[in-house]
Amino acid sequence: MKITVAAIALVAATGLGGIAYAQTTPTQPGTALPGGTSNPRQNLPTTTPNATAGEAAAKAQLESKGYSGVKQLTRDTAGNWSGKAMRNNVEIAVTLDAAGNVVER
């Protein structure tokens, strides 16, 4: 009997009455579907999460020259950026030199 009274007192002290509530976050209507992403902002840049300002600038410069899907950008010691990009639905290796010239490899 003492255990039952103690259990009831413990449940009453929590203020929840033994009911668990799921934590929810508000979303805009139509942005979060079951099984979909919980982040409604899907129009964010597609650079890597730790992209440097230089990498983002190189990607923007390649895109301004007609390339799309720029990825895997790496910088060498001379300041040239190399990576892969799409042009005319074909993936090619590209190098952007420090002067802004693009060389397809």
C-alpha atoms as a PDB file:
ATOM      1  CA  MET A   1       0.000   0.000   0.000  1.00  0.00           C
ATOM      2  CA  LYS A   2       2.858   2.381   0.841  1.00  0.00           C
ATOM      3  CA  ILE A   3       4.490   1.718  -2.560  1.00  0.00           C
ATOM      4  CA  THR A   4       1.237   2.514  -4.414  1.00  0.00           C
ATOM      5  CA  VAL A   5       0.781   5.795  -2.541  1.00  0.00           C
ATOM      6  CA  ALA A   6       4.428   6.715  -3.192  1.00  0.00           C
ATOM      7  CA  ALA A   7       4.057   5.964  -6.917  1.00  0.00           C
ATOM      8  CA  ILE A   8       0.915   8.100  -7.191  1.00  0.00           C
ATOM      9  CA  ALA A   9       2.632  10.938  -5.332  1.00  0.00           C
ATOM     10  CA  LEU A  10       5.623  10.715  -7.682  1.00  0.00           C
ATOM     11  CA  VAL A  11       3.429  10.843 -10.794  1.00  0.00           C
ATOM     12  CA  ALA A  12       1.470  13.774  -9.398  1.00  0.00           C
ATOM     13  CA  ALA A  13       4.690  15.630  -8.544  1.00  0.00           C
ATOM     14  CA  THR A  14       5.928  15.469 -12.134  1.00  0.00           C
ATOM     15  CA  GLY A  15       2.889  17.400 -13.321  1.00  0.00           C
ATOM     16  CA  LEU A  16       2.486  15.233 -16.385  1.00  0.00           C
ATOM     17  CA  GLY A  17       0.204  12.679 -14.858  1.00  0.00           C
ATOM     18  CA  GLY A  18       2.272   9.913 -16.455  1.00  0.00           C
ATOM     19  CA  ILE A  19       1.580  11.138 -19.997  1.00  0.00           C
ATOM     20  CA  ALA A  20       4.515  11.672 -22.341  1.00  0.00           C
ATOM     21  CA  TYR A  21       4.257  14.469 -24.892  1.00  0.00           C
ATOM     22  CA  ALA A  22       6.149  14.470 -28.177  1.00  0.00           C
ATOM     23  CA  GLN A  23       8.235  17.525 -28.879  1.00  0.00           C
ATOM     24  CA  THR A  24       7.177  19.144 -32.125  1.00  0.00           C
ATOM     25  CA  THR A  25       8.417  22.096 -34.111  1.00  0.00           C
ATOM     26  CA  PRO A  26       6.146  24.351 -36.129  1.00  0.00           C
ATOM     27  CA  THR A  27       6.477  24.175 -39.889  1.00  0.00           C
ATOM     28  CA  GLN A  28       4.943  26.072 -42.710  1.00  0.00           C
ATOM     29  CA  PRO A  29       2.019  24.315 -44.369  1.00  0.00           C
ATOM     30  CA  GLY A  30       3.145  22.045 -47.175  1.00  0.00           C
ATOM     31  CA  THR A  31       6.862  22.153 -46.360  1.00  0.00           C
ATOM     32  CA  ALA A  32       7.318  19.062 -44.211  1.00  0.00           C
ATOM     33  CA  LEU A  33       5.805  15.828 -45.416  1.00  0.00           C
ATOM     34  CA  PRO A  34       5.905  12.538 -43.527  1.00  0.00           C
ATOM     35  CA  GLY A  35       9.217  10.877 -44.260  1.00  0.00           C
ATOM     36  CA  GLY A  36      10.593  14.092 -45.762  1.00  0.00           C
ATOM     37  CA  THR A  37      13.115  16.538 -44.439  1.00  0.00           C
ATOM     38  CA  SER A  38      12.496  18.503 -41.291  1.00  0.00           C
ATOM     39  CA  ASN A  39      14.262  21.514 -42.818  1.00  0.00           C
ATOM     40  CA  PRO A  40      11.802  23.515 -44.928  1.00  0.00           C
ATOM     41  CA  ARG A  41      14.582  25.740 -46.337  1.00  0.00           C
ATOM     42  CA  GLN A  42      15.704  23.753 -49.355  1.00  0.00           C
ATOM     43  CA  ASN A  43      16.833  26.706 -51.463  1.00  0.00           C
ATOM     44  CA  LEU A  44      20.218  26.934 -49.740  1.00  0.00           C
ATOM     45  CA  PRO A  45      23.524  26.926 -51.672  1.00  0.00           C
ATOM     46  CA  THR A  46      24.905  23.521 -52.555  1.00  0.00           C
ATOM     47  CA  THR A  47      28.460  24.196 -51.415  1.00  0.00           C
ATOM     48  CA  THR A  48      30.025  21.939 -48.859  1.00  0.00           C
ATOM     49  CA  PRO A  49      29.162  22.742 -45.239  1.00  0.00           C
ATOM     50  CA  ASN A  50      32.718  23.910 -44.523  1.00  0.00           C
ATOM     51  CA  ALA A  51      33.295  25.701 -47.822  1.00  0.00           C
ATOM     52  CA  THR A  52      35.664  28.611 -47.706  1.00  0.00           C
ATOM     53  CA  ALA A  53      34.908  31.992 -49.211  1.00  0.00           C
ATOM     54  CA  GLY A  54      37.527  31.254 -51.875  1.00  0.00           C
ATOM     55  CA  GLU A  55      35.842  27.983 -52.818  1.00  0.00           C
ATOM     56  CA  ALA A  56      32.450  29.669 -53.061  1.00  0.00           C
ATOM     57  CA  ALA A  57      33.952  32.430 -55.233  1.00  0.00           C
ATOM     58  CA  ALA A  58      35.619  29.881 -57.537  1.00  0.00           C
ATOM     59  CA  LYS A  59      32.351  27.990 -57.889  1.00  0.00           C
ATOM     60  CA  ALA A  60      30.475  31.203 -58.682  1.00  0.00           C
ATOM     61  CA  GLN A  61      33.094  32.150 -61.272  1.00  0.00           C
ATOM     62  CA  LEU A  62      32.830  28.746 -62.982  1.00  0.00           C
ATOM     63  CA  GLU A  63      29.025  28.987 -62.987  1.00  0.00           C
ATOM     64  CA  SER A  64      29.217  32.460 -64.543  1.00  0.00           C
ATOM     65  CA  LYS A  65      31.263  30.929 -67.381  1.00  0.00           C
ATOM     66  CA  GLY A  66      28.484  28.436 -68.192  1.00  0.00           C
ATOM     67  CA  TYR A  67      29.338  25.470 -65.983  1.00  0.00           C
ATOM     68  CA  SER A  68      26.862  23.827 -63.623  1.00  0.00           C
ATOM     69  CA  GLY A  69      27.010  21.132 -60.956  1.00  0.00           C
ATOM     70  CA  VAL A  70      30.445  22.294 -59.806  1.00  0.00           C
ATOM     71  CA  LYS A  71      31.816  19.900 -57.167  1.00  0.00           C
ATOM     72  CA  GLN A  72      34.976  18.523 -55.561  1.00  0.00           C
ATOM     73  CA  LEU A  73      36.837  21.833 -55.750  1.00  0.00           C
ATOM     74  CA  THR A  74      40.364  21.730 -54.382  1.00  0.00           C
ATOM     75  CA  ARG A  75      43.025  24.420 -54.391  1.00  0.00           C
ATOM     76  CA  ASP A  76      46.679  23.813 -55.170  1.00  0.00           C
ATOM     77  CA  THR A  77      49.660  25.757 -53.866  1.00  0.00           C
ATOM     78  CA  ALA A  78      49.702  28.015 -56.955  1.00  0.00           C
ATOM     79  CA  GLY A  79      46.141  29.199 -56.227  1.00  0.00           C
ATOM     80  CA  ASN A  80      44.453  27.194 -59.004  1.00  0.00           C
ATOM     81  CA  TRP A  81      41.094  25.562 -58.292  1.00  0.00           C
ATOM     82  CA  SER A  82      40.426  22.098 -59.770  1.00  0.00           C
ATOM     83  CA  GLY A  83      37.223  20.111 -59.700  1.00  0.00           C
ATOM     84  CA  LYS A  84      34.418  18.638 -61.754  1.00  0.00           C
ATOM     85  CA  ALA A  85      31.612  20.476 -63.502  1.00  0.00           C
ATOM     86  CA  MET A  86      28.824  19.872 -66.009  1.00  0.00           C
ATOM     87  CA  ARG A  87      28.707  21.501 -69.446  1.00  0.00           C
ATOM     88  CA  ASN A  88      26.244  20.420 -72.159  1.00  0.00           C
ATOM     89  CA  ASN A  89      25.143  17.502 -69.932  1.00  0.00           C
ATOM     90  CA  VAL A  90      28.683  16.107 -69.806  1.00  0.00           C
ATOM     91  CA  GLU A  91      30.793  16.010 -66.649  1.00  0.00           C
ATOM     92  CA  ILE A  92      34.316  17.272 -67.239  1.00  0.00           C
ATOM     93  CA  ALA A  93      37.349  18.087 -65.122  1.00  0.00           C
ATOM     94  CA  VAL A  94      38.071  21.797 -64.959  1.00  0.00           C
ATOM     95  CA  THR A  95      40.813  24.026 -63.591  1.00  0.00           C
ATOM     96  CA  LEU A  96      40.317  27.691 -62.772  1.00  0.00           C
ATOM     97  CA  ASP A  97      43.632  29.530 -62.604  1.00  0.00           C
ATOM     98  CA  ALA A  98      44.383  32.586 -60.489  1.00  0.00           C
ATOM     99  CA  ALA A  99      43.758  34.876 -63.485  1.00  0.00           C
ATOM    100  CA  GLY A 100      40.236  33.483 -63.952  1.00  0.00           C
ATOM    101  CA  ASN A 101      40.947  31.344 -67.014  1.00  0.00           C
ATOM    102  CA  VAL A 102      39.226  27.953 -67.246  1.00  0.00           C
ATOM    103  CA  VAL A 103      41.022  24.920 -68.655  1.00  0.00           C
ATOM    104  CA  GLU A 104      39.038  21.757 -69.413  1.00  0.00           C
ATOM    105  CA  ARG A 105      41.002  18.572 -68.833  1.00  0.00           C
END
